[in-house]
Amino acid sequence: MSSNVIEAAAGRRQEIFAAISSATGTDDAVKAVSHLLAVSADEAREVLRAPLESFVGATSEQPDASSPSSFALHPFRDSDEHNALYKARSTDASSATGGTWDESRTEQERREGLKRIDSESAMWFVAVDGARGTQVGLVFGEQVDDGDVDVAIWIHPEERKKGYGLLSLKESRRELAAFFPGKHVIVRAPMAGDK
């Protein structure tokens, strides 16, 4: 892929991240990126596969001064509050689950995720707007076979279009780079059936 496409995507990263975060699946994300950058579908897919570092710079990058200082990612815990948020995501038709998970499937996936967290092959976070004391979404960091880390973000439907997706990407990059040093952090558009 031409470095010009990555540079163009990096220059419009807020729009790119917003499109990825609100995409209903891979095809939707490809179309959105292709339209935003006026590139082919193949080039858009390459943008989606590029490491997050290609878009947000080195780890020494200073936080955006306009970002709410009260926004934070908290580790996902086996608690009633966090479990309720996970259940909300499992029934959201626009999430990677397609909204089709029943209570049994949701509980099974949650328990398997907690096992991966315990084995340090995954990190899950709850996105929190501290100023409002509100949990606004979830971030899933999963180490894949080649060692890279896939990142998926789900923002509660009532909290979308407020910048939480971009804030979650920025914060998760910092957190996951510390937890999985030397690994590429890759944002992938969700597909139905994913964790």
Protein backbone atom coordinates (compact mmCIF):
# COMPACT_ATOMS: atom_id res chain seq x y z
CA MET A 1 0.00 0.00 0.00
CA SER A 2 1.17 3.48 -0.76
CA SER A 3 2.40 5.44 2.24
CA ASN A 4 0.37 8.33 0.81
CA VAL A 5 -2.85 6.51 1.74
CA ILE A 6 -1.68 5.99 5.32
CA GLU A 7 -0.59 9.62 5.52
CA ALA A 8 -3.99 10.72 4.24
CA ALA A 9 -5.71 8.47 6.78
CA ALA A 10 -3.48 9.77 9.58
CA GLY A 11 -4.31 13.34 8.62
CA ARG A 12 -8.01 12.55 8.96
CA ARG A 13 -7.69 10.13 11.85
CA GLN A 14 -10.58 11.56 13.87
CA GLU A 15 -12.95 10.95 10.98
CA ILE A 16 -11.42 7.53 10.29
CA PHE A 17 -11.72 6.44 13.95
CA ALA A 18 -15.28 7.75 14.14
CA ALA A 19 -16.19 5.79 11.03
CA ILE A 20 -14.59 2.59 12.36
CA SER A 21 -16.17 2.96 15.79
CA SER A 22 -19.67 3.43 14.39
CA ALA A 23 -19.37 0.81 11.63
CA THR A 24 -21.82 -2.08 11.74
CA GLY A 25 -19.31 -4.48 10.24
CA THR A 26 -16.21 -4.81 8.10
CA ASP A 27 -17.96 -4.01 4.81
CA ASP A 28 -19.52 -0.90 6.35
CA ALA A 29 -16.13 0.26 7.65
CA VAL A 30 -14.49 -0.38 4.25
CA LYS A 31 -17.15 1.70 2.51
CA ALA A 32 -16.83 4.53 5.01
CA VAL A 33 -13.02 4.68 4.79
CA SER A 34 -13.11 4.36 1.00
CA HIS A 35 -15.57 7.26 0.80
CA LEU A 36 -13.66 9.45 3.29
CA LEU A 37 -10.32 9.04 1.53
CA ALA A 38 -11.63 8.60 -2.04
CA VAL A 39 -9.67 5.36 -2.39
CA SER A 40 -10.50 1.87 -3.60
CA ALA A 41 -12.03 -0.76 -1.33
CA ASP A 42 -8.72 -2.67 -1.33
CA GLU A 43 -6.84 0.42 -0.15
CA ALA A 44 -9.49 1.02 2.52
CA ARG A 45 -9.01 -2.55 3.78
CA GLU A 46 -5.26 -1.92 4.05
CA VAL A 47 -5.97 1.19 6.12
CA LEU A 48 -8.11 -0.94 8.46
CA ARG A 49 -5.27 -3.47 8.81
CA ALA A 50 -2.59 -0.86 9.53
CA PRO A 51 -1.19 -0.69 13.10
CA LEU A 52 -2.75 1.99 15.28
CA GLU A 53 0.68 3.60 15.66
CA SER A 54 0.45 4.61 12.00
CA PHE A 55 -2.36 7.00 12.87
CA VAL A 56 -1.70 8.36 16.34
CA GLY A 57 2.06 8.78 16.45
CA ALA A 58 4.71 7.76 18.96
CA THR A 59 3.92 6.87 22.56
CA SER A 60 5.44 10.16 23.71
CA GLU A 61 2.59 12.05 22.05
CA GLN A 62 0.97 14.50 24.46
CA PRO A 63 -2.72 14.04 25.23
CA ASP A 64 -5.15 16.19 23.30
CA ALA A 65 -5.77 19.28 25.40
CA SER A 66 -9.41 19.26 24.37
CA SER A 67 -9.99 15.74 25.71
CA PRO A 68 -11.96 15.53 28.95
CA SER A 69 -9.45 14.84 31.72
CA SER A 70 -12.09 12.85 33.59
CA PHE A 71 -12.37 10.20 30.84
CA ALA A 72 -10.65 6.95 31.76
CA LEU A 73 -10.51 3.25 30.99
CA HIS A 74 -11.01 0.98 33.99
CA PRO A 75 -10.11 -2.72 33.89
CA PHE A 76 -13.15 -4.92 33.29
CA ARG A 77 -14.07 -6.79 36.45
CA ASP A 78 -16.43 -9.61 37.35
CA SER A 79 -18.88 -7.18 38.94
CA ASP A 80 -22.63 -6.63 38.57
CA GLU A 81 -22.08 -3.18 37.04
CA HIS A 82 -19.55 -4.32 34.44
CA ASN A 83 -21.54 -7.46 33.65
CA ALA A 84 -24.67 -5.38 33.01
CA LEU A 85 -22.73 -3.27 30.49
CA TYR A 86 -21.44 -6.43 28.78
CA LYS A 87 -25.02 -7.75 28.56
CA ALA A 88 -26.16 -4.45 27.02
CA ARG A 89 -23.49 -4.84 24.35
CA SER A 90 -24.48 -8.47 23.65
CA THR A 91 -28.03 -7.40 22.74
CA ASP A 92 -27.01 -4.34 20.68
CA ALA A 93 -27.73 -5.10 17.01
CA SER A 94 -24.97 -2.69 15.91
CA SER A 95 -22.28 -4.47 17.97
CA ALA A 96 -20.03 -7.33 16.89
CA THR A 97 -22.56 -9.74 18.42
CA GLY A 98 -25.22 -8.61 15.97
CA GLY A 99 -27.52 -8.39 18.98
CA THR A 100 -28.20 -12.11 18.72
CA TRP A 101 -26.56 -13.45 21.88
CA ASP A 102 -28.95 -14.90 24.43
CA GLU A 103 -28.21 -14.88 28.15
CA SER A 104 -26.44 -18.26 28.02
CA ARG A 105 -24.13 -17.26 25.13
CA THR A 106 -23.42 -13.90 26.77
CA GLU A 107 -22.43 -15.52 30.04
CA GLN A 108 -20.27 -18.13 28.28
CA GLU A 109 -18.39 -15.47 26.26
CA ARG A 110 -17.96 -13.27 29.35
CA ARG A 111 -16.49 -16.14 31.40
CA GLU A 112 -14.14 -17.14 28.56
CA GLY A 113 -13.03 -13.51 28.29
CA LEU A 114 -12.32 -13.36 32.02
CA LYS A 115 -10.17 -16.50 31.66
CA ARG A 116 -8.16 -14.84 28.87
CA ILE A 117 -7.72 -11.77 31.06
CA ASP A 118 -6.47 -13.99 33.91
CA SER A 119 -4.03 -15.72 31.52
CA GLU A 120 -2.82 -12.28 30.33
CA SER A 121 -3.74 -12.89 26.69
CA ALA A 122 -6.43 -10.21 26.79
CA MET A 123 -7.25 -6.90 28.43
CA TRP A 124 -10.80 -5.60 28.59
CA PHE A 125 -11.73 -2.12 29.77
CA VAL A 126 -14.81 -0.16 30.72
CA ALA A 127 -14.83 3.37 29.27
CA VAL A 128 -15.94 5.85 31.93
CA ASP A 129 -16.85 9.52 31.78
CA GLY A 130 -15.81 10.45 35.30
CA ALA A 131 -17.42 13.89 35.18
CA ARG A 132 -20.81 12.23 34.84
CA GLY A 133 -19.97 9.02 36.67
CA THR A 134 -21.20 7.14 33.61
CA GLN A 135 -19.94 3.96 31.97
CA VAL A 136 -20.12 4.71 28.26
CA GLY A 137 -18.67 1.63 26.59
CA LEU A 138 -16.26 -1.28 26.44
CA VAL A 139 -12.81 -1.81 24.91
CA PHE A 140 -11.56 -5.31 24.09
CA GLY A 141 -7.84 -5.93 23.55
CA GLU A 142 -7.19 -9.52 22.44
CA GLN A 143 -3.80 -10.98 21.58
CA VAL A 144 -4.01 -12.97 18.34
CA ASP A 145 -1.94 -15.90 17.07
CA ASP A 146 0.80 -13.73 15.53
CA GLY A 147 1.22 -11.81 18.79
CA ASP A 148 -0.41 -8.59 17.63
CA VAL A 149 -3.27 -7.14 19.64
CA ASP A 150 -6.69 -6.68 18.08
CA VAL A 151 -8.74 -3.84 19.52
CA ALA A 152 -12.52 -3.62 19.34
CA ILE A 153 -14.52 -0.75 20.80
CA TRP A 154 -18.19 -0.66 21.67
CA ILE A 155 -19.85 2.58 22.75
CA HIS A 156 -23.34 2.42 24.22
CA PRO A 157 -25.87 3.64 21.62
CA GLU A 158 -27.01 6.47 23.91
CA GLU A 159 -23.41 7.73 24.22
CA ARG A 160 -22.39 7.73 20.55
CA LYS A 161 -21.37 10.79 18.51
CA LYS A 162 -19.83 12.39 21.61
CA GLY A 163 -16.17 11.58 20.97
CA TYR A 164 -15.94 8.57 23.29
CA GLY A 165 -14.85 6.24 20.50
CA LEU A 166 -11.80 8.36 19.69
CA LEU A 167 -10.96 8.85 23.38
CA SER A 168 -11.22 5.09 23.90
CA LEU A 169 -8.82 4.46 21.01
CA LYS A 170 -6.28 6.91 22.39
CA GLU A 171 -6.45 5.58 25.93
CA SER A 172 -6.50 1.92 24.92
CA ARG A 173 -3.38 2.44 22.81
CA ARG A 174 -1.51 3.67 25.87
CA GLU A 175 -2.85 0.94 28.15
CA LEU A 176 -2.34 -1.92 25.72
CA ALA A 177 1.15 -0.78 24.69
CA ALA A 178 2.15 -0.99 28.36
CA PHE A 179 0.50 -4.37 28.88
CA PHE A 180 1.69 -5.90 25.58
CA PRO A 181 5.06 -4.20 24.99
CA GLY A 182 6.50 -4.44 21.51
CA LYS A 183 3.25 -5.64 19.94
CA HIS A 184 1.27 -3.94 17.19
CA VAL A 185 -2.09 -2.65 18.34
CA ILE A 186 -4.53 -3.08 15.46
CA VAL A 187 -8.05 -1.70 15.29
CA ARG A 188 -10.39 -3.92 13.36
CA ALA A 189 -13.98 -3.21 12.42
CA PRO A 190 -16.31 -5.56 14.32
CA MET A 191 -17.92 -8.49 12.57
CA ALA A 192 -20.97 -10.31 13.87
CA GLY A 193 -19.89 -13.26 15.99
CA ASP A 194 -16.67 -11.65 17.24
CA LYS A 195 -15.98 -11.44 20.95
